[in-house]
Amino acid sequence: MAAERGTAADSLVGQVVLPGDLLLLPAHYDEDAEGERLRLSAGAAPQGRLLCGPGLRRSGAGLLVTTCGLLRHRPGGGGAYWVDSQQKRYVPVKGDHVIGIVTVKAGDVFRLDVGGSEPASLSYLAFEGATKRNRPNVQVGDLIYGQFVVANKDMEPEMVCIDSSGKSSGMGIIGQDGFLFKVSLGLIRKLLAPKCEIIQELSQLYPFELVIGMNGRIWVKAKTVQQTLIIVNILEACEYMTAEQRKQALAKLSGN
């Protein structure tokens, strides 16, 4: 009966959806016997698994909306649906790269504030080259860029600063200087999109270092404090500026 009250997902792409809305998938999508993943039925050519992104969860043969925002869809492979929202409260997700702040050193484990409902844990062995004798120099207040390996409602979030091959891959302790600020999760997804114009345009203005966390935190460091603050202000304003307004602001700063 619930399926009758749903709306075709394809017809709502780009429109506002509300928590509780049921999105019906095209007929060629089906749910497997265990109900854990959605895939193409045997009658269609296999194209991959359908991905259920932020703001949605699987419900029968459809998707249930859990967050208010704009429904987005990415074709290709099995396709992907997600809700693009401006929420500022972060919920840890396995695989996300985030910026955490060390709040406690408790024996062999560090506790980090990641902006969620509870702190995340980080073992001192979860750094490249770390051993019992060679411990990383981590102090309370340090910024850590890492990845979640455990993140669900029944367990404490757990972070690491190494990939599957034991390499840091850019993760670890972030430099002491620089500027850390917080933006909406929607802006974070925009900045992390492939070929993001905002980052490309800023890189032509000043040379700078940038670390972006999926938890809404951004760390920036340029040559001078003034340049750093200019980049911070532009990144914060980008959420409310059109592409043309942003280009005019950058042109004014560069003197063109």
C-alpha atoms as a PDB file:
ATOM      1  CA  MET A   1       0.000   0.000   0.000  1.00  0.00           C
ATOM      2  CA  ALA A   2       2.943   2.320   0.746  1.00  0.00           C
ATOM      3  CA  ALA A   3       4.089   2.043  -2.840  1.00  0.00           C
ATOM      4  CA  GLU A   4       0.785   3.549  -4.004  1.00  0.00           C
ATOM      5  CA  ARG A   5       1.411   6.695  -1.989  1.00  0.00           C
ATOM      6  CA  GLY A   6       4.895   7.175  -3.409  1.00  0.00           C
ATOM      7  CA  THR A   7       6.027   9.389  -6.260  1.00  0.00           C
ATOM      8  CA  ALA A   8       8.344   8.451  -9.111  1.00  0.00           C
ATOM      9  CA  ALA A   9      11.880   9.511  -8.180  1.00  0.00           C
ATOM     10  CA  ASP A  10      12.688  10.676 -11.714  1.00  0.00           C
ATOM     11  CA  SER A  11       9.827  13.197 -11.667  1.00  0.00           C
ATOM     12  CA  LEU A  12      11.096  14.852  -8.454  1.00  0.00           C
ATOM     13  CA  VAL A  13      14.752  15.359  -9.429  1.00  0.00           C
ATOM     14  CA  GLY A  14      15.660  19.003  -8.804  1.00  0.00           C
ATOM     15  CA  GLN A  15      12.576  19.597  -6.628  1.00  0.00           C
ATOM     16  CA  VAL A  16      12.194  19.950  -2.861  1.00  0.00           C
ATOM     17  CA  VAL A  17      11.468  16.710  -0.998  1.00  0.00           C
ATOM     18  CA  LEU A  18      10.444  16.366   2.651  1.00  0.00           C
ATOM     19  CA  PRO A  19      11.166  13.737   5.328  1.00  0.00           C
ATOM     20  CA  GLY A  20       8.714  10.864   4.992  1.00  0.00           C
ATOM     21  CA  ASP A  21       8.305  11.143   1.206  1.00  0.00           C
ATOM     22  CA  LEU A  22       8.547   7.794  -0.562  1.00  0.00           C
ATOM     23  CA  LEU A  23      10.339   7.790  -3.907  1.00  0.00           C
ATOM     24  CA  LEU A  24       9.453   5.023  -6.327  1.00  0.00           C
ATOM     25  CA  LEU A  25      12.232   3.725  -8.546  1.00  0.00           C
ATOM     26  CA  PRO A  26      11.921   2.774 -12.226  1.00  0.00           C
ATOM     27  CA  ALA A  27      10.592  -0.723 -12.876  1.00  0.00           C
ATOM     28  CA  HIS A  28      14.022  -2.139 -13.780  1.00  0.00           C
ATOM     29  CA  TYR A  29      15.271  -1.617 -10.215  1.00  0.00           C
ATOM     30  CA  ASP A  30      14.527  -4.371  -7.758  1.00  0.00           C
ATOM     31  CA  GLU A  31      15.478  -5.333  -4.229  1.00  0.00           C
ATOM     32  CA  ASP A  32      17.402  -8.481  -3.460  1.00  0.00           C
ATOM     33  CA  ALA A  33      16.086 -11.218  -1.207  1.00  0.00           C
ATOM     34  CA  GLU A  34      17.922  -9.943   1.868  1.00  0.00           C
ATOM     35  CA  GLY A  35      16.653  -6.388   1.393  1.00  0.00           C
ATOM     36  CA  GLU A  36      20.120  -4.891   1.816  1.00  0.00           C
ATOM     37  CA  ARG A  37      20.785  -3.433  -1.616  1.00  0.00           C
ATOM     38  CA  LEU A  38      18.975  -2.330  -4.731  1.00  0.00           C
ATOM     39  CA  ARG A  39      20.098  -3.736  -8.062  1.00  0.00           C
ATOM     40  CA  LEU A  40      18.923  -4.222 -11.601  1.00  0.00           C
ATOM     41  CA  SER A  41      16.503  -7.069 -12.219  1.00  0.00           C
ATOM     42  CA  ALA A  42      17.566 -10.085 -14.256  1.00  0.00           C
ATOM     43  CA  GLY A  43      15.534  -8.865 -17.230  1.00  0.00           C
ATOM     44  CA  ALA A  44      17.754  -5.820 -17.792  1.00  0.00           C
ATOM     45  CA  ALA A  45      21.360  -5.524 -18.760  1.00  0.00           C
ATOM     46  CA  PRO A  46      23.499  -5.281 -15.602  1.00  0.00           C
ATOM     47  CA  GLN A  47      24.733  -1.720 -15.230  1.00  0.00           C
ATOM     48  CA  GLY A  48      25.858  -1.662 -11.597  1.00  0.00           C
ATOM     49  CA  ARG A  49      24.452  -1.011  -8.185  1.00  0.00           C
ATOM     50  CA  LEU A  50      22.136   1.884  -7.403  1.00  0.00           C
ATOM     51  CA  LEU A  51      23.690   4.145  -4.778  1.00  0.00           C
ATOM     52  CA  CYS A  52      21.545   5.643  -2.027  1.00  0.00           C
ATOM     53  CA  GLY A  53      23.186   8.875  -0.906  1.00  0.00           C
ATOM     54  CA  PRO A  54      22.766  11.321   2.013  1.00  0.00           C
ATOM     55  CA  GLY A  55      19.198  12.176   3.007  1.00  0.00           C
ATOM     56  CA  LEU A  56      17.731   8.890   1.782  1.00  0.00           C
ATOM     57  CA  ARG A  57      17.372   5.349   3.026  1.00  0.00           C
ATOM     58  CA  ARG A  58      16.083   2.224   1.359  1.00  0.00           C
ATOM     59  CA  SER A  59      12.469   1.225   2.000  1.00  0.00           C
ATOM     60  CA  GLY A  60      11.113  -1.790   0.175  1.00  0.00           C
ATOM     61  CA  ALA A  61      11.514  -1.209  -3.554  1.00  0.00           C
ATOM     62  CA  GLY A  62      11.872   2.548  -3.129  1.00  0.00           C
ATOM     63  CA  LEU A  63      13.733   5.256  -1.225  1.00  0.00           C
ATOM     64  CA  LEU A  64      12.494   7.054   1.894  1.00  0.00           C
ATOM     65  CA  VAL A  65      13.457  10.705   2.338  1.00  0.00           C
ATOM     66  CA  THR A  66      14.988  11.521   5.754  1.00  0.00           C
ATOM     67  CA  THR A  67      16.191  15.108   5.133  1.00  0.00           C
ATOM     68  CA  CYS A  68      14.543  18.192   3.654  1.00  0.00           C
ATOM     69  CA  GLY A  69      16.251  19.466   0.502  1.00  0.00           C
ATOM     70  CA  LEU A  70      16.567  19.166  -3.274  1.00  0.00           C
ATOM     71  CA  LEU A  71      16.544  15.684  -4.786  1.00  0.00           C
ATOM     72  CA  ARG A  72      19.573  15.029  -7.000  1.00  0.00           C
ATOM     73  CA  HIS A  73      20.315  12.217  -9.415  1.00  0.00           C
ATOM     74  CA  ARG A  74      23.542  11.131 -11.084  1.00  0.00           C
ATOM     75  CA  PRO A  75      23.169   8.765 -14.067  1.00  0.00           C
ATOM     76  CA  GLY A  76      25.746   6.255 -15.138  1.00  0.00           C
ATOM     77  CA  GLY A  77      26.398   2.762 -13.821  1.00  0.00           C
ATOM     78  CA  GLY A  78      23.619   1.912 -11.406  1.00  0.00           C
ATOM     79  CA  GLY A  79      22.959   5.610 -10.830  1.00  0.00           C
ATOM     80  CA  ALA A  80      22.776   7.528  -7.572  1.00  0.00           C
ATOM     81  CA  TYR A  81      20.119   9.530  -5.725  1.00  0.00           C
ATOM     82  CA  TRP A  82      20.738  11.917  -2.829  1.00  0.00           C
ATOM     83  CA  VAL A  83      19.213  14.953  -1.122  1.00  0.00           C
ATOM     84  CA  ASP A  84      21.148  18.209  -1.385  1.00  0.00           C
ATOM     85  CA  SER A  85      20.475  20.089   1.858  1.00  0.00           C
ATOM     86  CA  GLN A  86      21.996  23.012   3.736  1.00  0.00           C
ATOM     87  CA  GLN A  87      22.193  21.255   7.092  1.00  0.00           C
ATOM     88  CA  LYS A  88      25.086  22.146   9.395  1.00  0.00           C
ATOM     89  CA  ARG A  89      24.837  19.179  11.784  1.00  0.00           C
ATOM     90  CA  TYR A  90      27.153  16.429  10.598  1.00  0.00           C
ATOM     91  CA  VAL A  91      26.374  12.725  10.926  1.00  0.00           C
ATOM     92  CA  PRO A  92      29.490  10.503  10.591  1.00  0.00           C
ATOM     93  CA  VAL A  93      29.518   8.263   7.509  1.00  0.00           C
ATOM     94  CA  LYS A  94      31.972   5.437   6.896  1.00  0.00           C
ATOM     95  CA  GLY A  95      34.573   6.468   4.335  1.00  0.00           C
ATOM     96  CA  ASP A  96      34.155  10.222   4.849  1.00  0.00           C
ATOM     97  CA  HIS A  97      37.315  12.330   5.182  1.00  0.00           C
ATOM     98  CA  VAL A  98      36.883  14.851   8.001  1.00  0.00           C
ATOM     99  CA  ILE A  99      38.805  17.377  10.089  1.00  0.00           C
ATOM    100  CA  GLY A 100      38.777  16.576  13.804  1.00  0.00           C
ATOM    101  CA  ILE A 101      40.040  18.498  16.832  1.00  0.00           C
ATOM    102  CA  VAL A 102      41.880  16.488  19.496  1.00  0.00           C
ATOM    103  CA  THR A 103      40.106  17.005  22.823  1.00  0.00           C
ATOM    104  CA  VAL A 104      41.450  14.166  25.005  1.00  0.00           C
ATOM    105  CA  LYS A 105      44.514  11.898  25.129  1.00  0.00           C
ATOM    106  CA  ALA A 106      43.346   8.711  26.861  1.00  0.00           C
ATOM    107  CA  GLY A 107      46.075   6.072  26.946  1.00  0.00           C
ATOM    108  CA  ASP A 108      46.527   4.662  23.459  1.00  0.00           C
ATOM    109  CA  VAL A 109      43.495   6.438  22.030  1.00  0.00           C
ATOM    110  CA  PHE A 110      42.780  10.056  21.139  1.00  0.00           C
ATOM    111  CA  ARG A 111      39.277  11.556  21.295  1.00  0.00           C
ATOM    112  CA  LEU A 112      38.371  13.972  18.515  1.00  0.00           C
ATOM    113  CA  ASP A 113      35.588  16.490  18.113  1.00  0.00           C
ATOM    114  CA  VAL A 114      34.264  15.927  14.566  1.00  0.00           C
ATOM    115  CA  GLY A 115      31.098  18.005  14.860  1.00  0.00           C
ATOM    116  CA  GLY A 116      28.818  15.003  15.411  1.00  0.00           C
ATOM    117  CA  SER A 117      26.727  13.988  18.409  1.00  0.00           C
ATOM    118  CA  GLU A 118      29.682  12.185  20.020  1.00  0.00           C
ATOM    119  CA  PRO A 119      33.482  12.288  19.727  1.00  0.00           C
ATOM    120  CA  ALA A 120      35.412   9.931  17.454  1.00  0.00           C
ATOM    121  CA  SER A 121      38.277   7.719  18.563  1.00  0.00           C
ATOM    122  CA  LEU A 122      41.694   7.555  16.891  1.00  0.00           C
ATOM    123  CA  SER A 123      44.381   5.023  17.811  1.00  0.00           C
ATOM    124  CA  TYR A 124      48.003   6.171  17.955  1.00  0.00           C
ATOM    125  CA  LEU A 125      48.794   3.212  15.650  1.00  0.00           C
ATOM    126  CA  ALA A 126      46.467   4.605  12.947  1.00  0.00           C
ATOM    127  CA  PHE A 127      49.255   6.832  11.543  1.00  0.00           C
ATOM    128  CA  GLU A 128      51.773   5.985   8.843  1.00  0.00           C
ATOM    129  CA  GLY A 129      54.918   4.448  10.362  1.00  0.00           C
ATOM    130  CA  ALA A 130      53.499   4.485  13.909  1.00  0.00           C
ATOM    131  CA  THR A 131      54.654   1.739  16.302  1.00  0.00           C
ATOM    132  CA  LYS A 132      54.636   1.237  20.072  1.00  0.00           C
ATOM    133  CA  ARG A 133      58.068   2.882  20.244  1.00  0.00           C
ATOM    134  CA  ASN A 134      57.512   5.447  17.487  1.00  0.00           C
ATOM    135  CA  ARG A 135      54.348   7.261  18.542  1.00  0.00           C
ATOM    136  CA  PRO A 136      52.986  10.288  16.661  1.00  0.00           C
ATOM    137  CA  ASN A 137      53.396  13.636  18.399  1.00  0.00           C
ATOM    138  CA  VAL A 138      49.714  14.491  18.851  1.00  0.00           C
ATOM    139  CA  GLN A 139      48.654  17.089  21.416  1.00  0.00           C
ATOM    140  CA  VAL A 140      45.271  18.296  22.677  1.00  0.00           C
ATOM    141  CA  GLY A 141      44.042  21.025  20.337  1.00  0.00           C
ATOM    142  CA  ASP A 142      45.758  19.630  17.235  1.00  0.00           C
ATOM    143  CA  LEU A 143      43.805  19.358  13.992  1.00  0.00           C
ATOM    144  CA  ILE A 144      43.655  15.899  12.425  1.00  0.00           C
ATOM    145  CA  TYR A 145      42.585  15.082   8.879  1.00  0.00           C
ATOM    146  CA  GLY A 146      41.437  11.478   8.748  1.00  0.00           C
ATOM    147  CA  GLN A 147      38.904   8.983   7.474  1.00  0.00           C
ATOM    148  CA  PHE A 148      36.098   7.089   9.206  1.00  0.00           C
ATOM    149  CA  VAL A 149      36.449   3.309   9.207  1.00  0.00           C
ATOM    150  CA  VAL A 150      33.592   2.772  11.675  1.00  0.00           C
ATOM    151  CA  ALA A 151      30.476   4.958  11.662  1.00  0.00           C
ATOM    152  CA  ASN A 152      27.040   3.663  12.609  1.00  0.00           C
ATOM    153  CA  LYS A 153      24.373   4.365  15.194  1.00  0.00           C
ATOM    154  CA  ASP A 154      25.399   1.439  17.432  1.00  0.00           C
ATOM    155  CA  MET A 155      29.139   2.067  17.701  1.00  0.00           C
ATOM    156  CA  GLU A 156      31.476   4.935  18.518  1.00  0.00           C
ATOM    157  CA  PRO A 157      32.912   6.550  15.355  1.00  0.00           C
ATOM    158  CA  GLU A 158      36.483   5.453  14.678  1.00  0.00           C
ATOM    159  CA  MET A 159      39.003   7.316  12.516  1.00  0.00           C
ATOM    160  CA  VAL A 160      42.329   6.422  10.909  1.00  0.00           C
ATOM    161  CA  CYS A 161      45.004   8.475   9.150  1.00  0.00           C
ATOM    162  CA  ILE A 162      46.159   5.736   6.781  1.00  0.00           C
ATOM    163  CA  ASP A 163      44.645   4.091   3.709  1.00  0.00           C
ATOM    164  CA  SER A 164      44.283   0.362   3.025  1.00  0.00           C
ATOM    165  CA  SER A 165      47.974   0.101   2.079  1.00  0.00           C
ATOM    166  CA  GLY A 166      49.169   1.799   5.263  1.00  0.00           C
ATOM    167  CA  LYS A 167      50.090   5.091   3.583  1.00  0.00           C
ATOM    168  CA  SER A 168      48.997   8.502   4.879  1.00  0.00           C
ATOM    169  CA  SER A 169      47.694   9.694   1.476  1.00  0.00           C
ATOM    170  CA  GLY A 170      47.626  13.276   2.732  1.00  0.00           C
ATOM    171  CA  MET A 171      46.008  12.439   6.052  1.00  0.00           C
ATOM    172  CA  GLY A 172      47.488  13.178   9.478  1.00  0.00           C
ATOM    173  CA  ILE A 173      48.217  16.212  11.635  1.00  0.00           C
ATOM    174  CA  ILE A 174      47.417  19.565   9.998  1.00  0.00           C
ATOM    175  CA  GLY A 175      49.902  22.429  10.461  1.00  0.00           C
ATOM    176  CA  GLN A 176      49.589  24.651  13.531  1.00  0.00           C
ATOM    177  CA  ASP A 177      49.171  27.874  11.560  1.00  0.00           C
ATOM    178  CA  GLY A 178      46.396  28.492   9.079  1.00  0.00           C
ATOM    179  CA  PHE A 179      42.715  29.221   9.656  1.00  0.00           C
ATOM    180  CA  LEU A 180      39.935  26.737  10.451  1.00  0.00           C
ATOM    181  CA  PHE A 181      36.296  27.682   9.805  1.00  0.00           C
ATOM    182  CA  LYS A 182      32.952  25.985   9.339  1.00  0.00           C
ATOM    183  CA  VAL A 183      30.479  26.088   6.429  1.00  0.00           C
ATOM    184  CA  SER A 184      27.323  24.206   5.472  1.00  0.00           C
ATOM    185  CA  LEU A 185      27.536  20.619   4.242  1.00  0.00           C
ATOM    186  CA  GLY A 186      25.969  21.702   0.947  1.00  0.00           C
ATOM    187  CA  LEU A 187      28.889  24.031   0.214  1.00  0.00           C
ATOM    188  CA  ILE A 188      31.341  21.263   1.109  1.00  0.00           C
ATOM    189  CA  ARG A 189      29.812  18.952  -1.497  1.00  0.00           C
ATOM    190  CA  LYS A 190      29.979  21.769  -4.054  1.00  0.00           C
ATOM    191  CA  LEU A 191      33.682  22.391  -3.342  1.00  0.00           C
ATOM    192  CA  LEU A 192      34.514  18.679  -3.559  1.00  0.00           C
ATOM    193  CA  ALA A 193      32.761  18.224  -6.890  1.00  0.00           C
ATOM    194  CA  PRO A 194      35.071  17.279  -9.792  1.00  0.00           C
ATOM    195  CA  LYS A 195      36.442  20.315 -11.641  1.00  0.00           C
ATOM    196  CA  CYS A 196      35.056  22.759  -9.060  1.00  0.00           C
ATOM    197  CA  GLU A 197      35.279  26.240 -10.607  1.00  0.00           C
ATOM    198  CA  ILE A 198      35.508  27.942  -7.206  1.00  0.00           C
ATOM    199  CA  ILE A 199      38.781  26.230  -6.280  1.00  0.00           C
ATOM    200  CA  GLN A 200      40.227  26.738  -9.767  1.00  0.00           C
ATOM    201  CA  GLU A 201      39.452  30.461  -9.705  1.00  0.00           C
ATOM    202  CA  LEU A 202      40.881  30.932  -6.207  1.00  0.00           C
ATOM    203  CA  SER A 203      44.100  29.141  -7.149  1.00  0.00           C
ATOM    204  CA  GLN A 204      44.712  31.829  -9.792  1.00  0.00           C
ATOM    205  CA  LEU A 205      44.370  34.567  -7.171  1.00  0.00           C
ATOM    206  CA  TYR A 206      46.839  33.380  -4.501  1.00  0.00           C
ATOM    207  CA  PRO A 207      48.866  30.236  -3.829  1.00  0.00           C
ATOM    208  CA  PHE A 208      47.408  28.507  -0.782  1.00  0.00           C
ATOM    209  CA  GLU A 209      46.937  25.189   1.014  1.00  0.00           C
ATOM    210  CA  LEU A 210      43.420  23.860   1.491  1.00  0.00           C
ATOM    211  CA  VAL A 211      41.990  20.947   3.490  1.00  0.00           C
ATOM    212  CA  ILE A 212      38.270  20.216   3.160  1.00  0.00           C
ATOM    213  CA  GLY A 213      36.424  17.932   5.567  1.00  0.00           C
ATOM    214  CA  MET A 214      33.067  16.354   4.835  1.00  0.00           C
ATOM    215  CA  ASN A 215      31.983  17.457   8.328  1.00  0.00           C
ATOM    216  CA  GLY A 216      31.756  21.081   7.176  1.00  0.00           C
ATOM    217  CA  ARG A 217      35.213  22.201   8.288  1.00  0.00           C
ATOM    218  CA  ILE A 218      37.762  23.868   6.040  1.00  0.00           C
ATOM    219  CA  TRP A 219      41.395  24.698   6.840  1.00  0.00           C
ATOM    220  CA  VAL A 220      43.177  27.334   4.751  1.00  0.00           C
ATOM    221  CA  LYS A 221      46.725  28.660   4.765  1.00  0.00           C
ATOM    222  CA  ALA A 222      48.152  31.273   2.373  1.00  0.00           C
ATOM    223  CA  LYS A 223      51.460  33.191   2.402  1.00  0.00           C
ATOM    224  CA  THR A 224      50.128  35.989   4.607  1.00  0.00           C
ATOM    225  CA  VAL A 225      47.337  36.375   7.140  1.00  0.00           C
ATOM    226  CA  GLN A 226      45.635  38.926   4.887  1.00  0.00           C
ATOM    227  CA  GLN A 227      45.581  36.544   1.911  1.00  0.00           C
ATOM    228  CA  THR A 228      44.316  33.727   4.133  1.00  0.00           C
ATOM    229  CA  LEU A 229      41.405  35.840   5.401  1.00  0.00           C
ATOM    230  CA  ILE A 230      40.515  36.961   1.867  1.00  0.00           C
ATOM    231  CA  ILE A 231      40.250  33.324   0.742  1.00  0.00           C
ATOM    232  CA  VAL A 232      38.195  32.469   3.824  1.00  0.00           C
ATOM    233  CA  ASN A 233      35.757  35.321   3.154  1.00  0.00           C
ATOM    234  CA  ILE A 234      35.369  34.331  -0.511  1.00  0.00           C
ATOM    235  CA  LEU A 235      34.742  30.671   0.345  1.00  0.00           C
ATOM    236  CA  GLU A 236      32.123  31.640   2.944  1.00  0.00           C
ATOM    237  CA  ALA A 237      30.407  34.029   0.497  1.00  0.00           C
ATOM    238  CA  CYS A 238      30.421  31.504  -2.384  1.00  0.00           C
ATOM    239  CA  GLU A 239      27.390  29.776  -0.914  1.00  0.00           C
ATOM    240  CA  TYR A 240      25.246  32.842  -1.592  1.00  0.00           C
ATOM    241  CA  MET A 241      26.939  34.261  -4.716  1.00  0.00           C
ATOM    242  CA  THR A 242      26.237  33.470  -8.341  1.00  0.00           C
ATOM    243  CA  ALA A 243      29.115  32.456 -10.622  1.00  0.00           C
ATOM    244  CA  GLU A 244      29.100  35.917 -12.194  1.00  0.00           C
ATOM    245  CA  GLN A 245      29.191  37.706  -8.826  1.00  0.00           C
ATOM    246  CA  ARG A 246      32.063  35.494  -7.715  1.00  0.00           C
ATOM    247  CA  LYS A 247      34.076  36.245 -10.870  1.00  0.00           C
ATOM    248  CA  GLN A 248      33.512  39.985 -10.431  1.00  0.00           C
ATOM    249  CA  ALA A 249      34.717  39.819  -6.817  1.00  0.00           C
ATOM    250  CA  LEU A 250      37.842  37.855  -7.790  1.00  0.00           C
ATOM    251  CA  ALA A 251      38.580  40.216 -10.688  1.00  0.00           C
ATOM    252  CA  LYS A 252      38.357  43.197  -8.301  1.00  0.00           C
ATOM    253  CA  LEU A 253      40.799  41.532  -5.892  1.00  0.00           C
ATOM    254  CA  SER A 254      43.275  40.648  -8.642  1.00  0.00           C
ATOM    255  CA  GLY A 255      43.110  44.198 -10.046  1.00  0.00           C
ATOM    256  CA  ASN A 256      41.753  43.166 -13.448  1.00  0.00           C
END
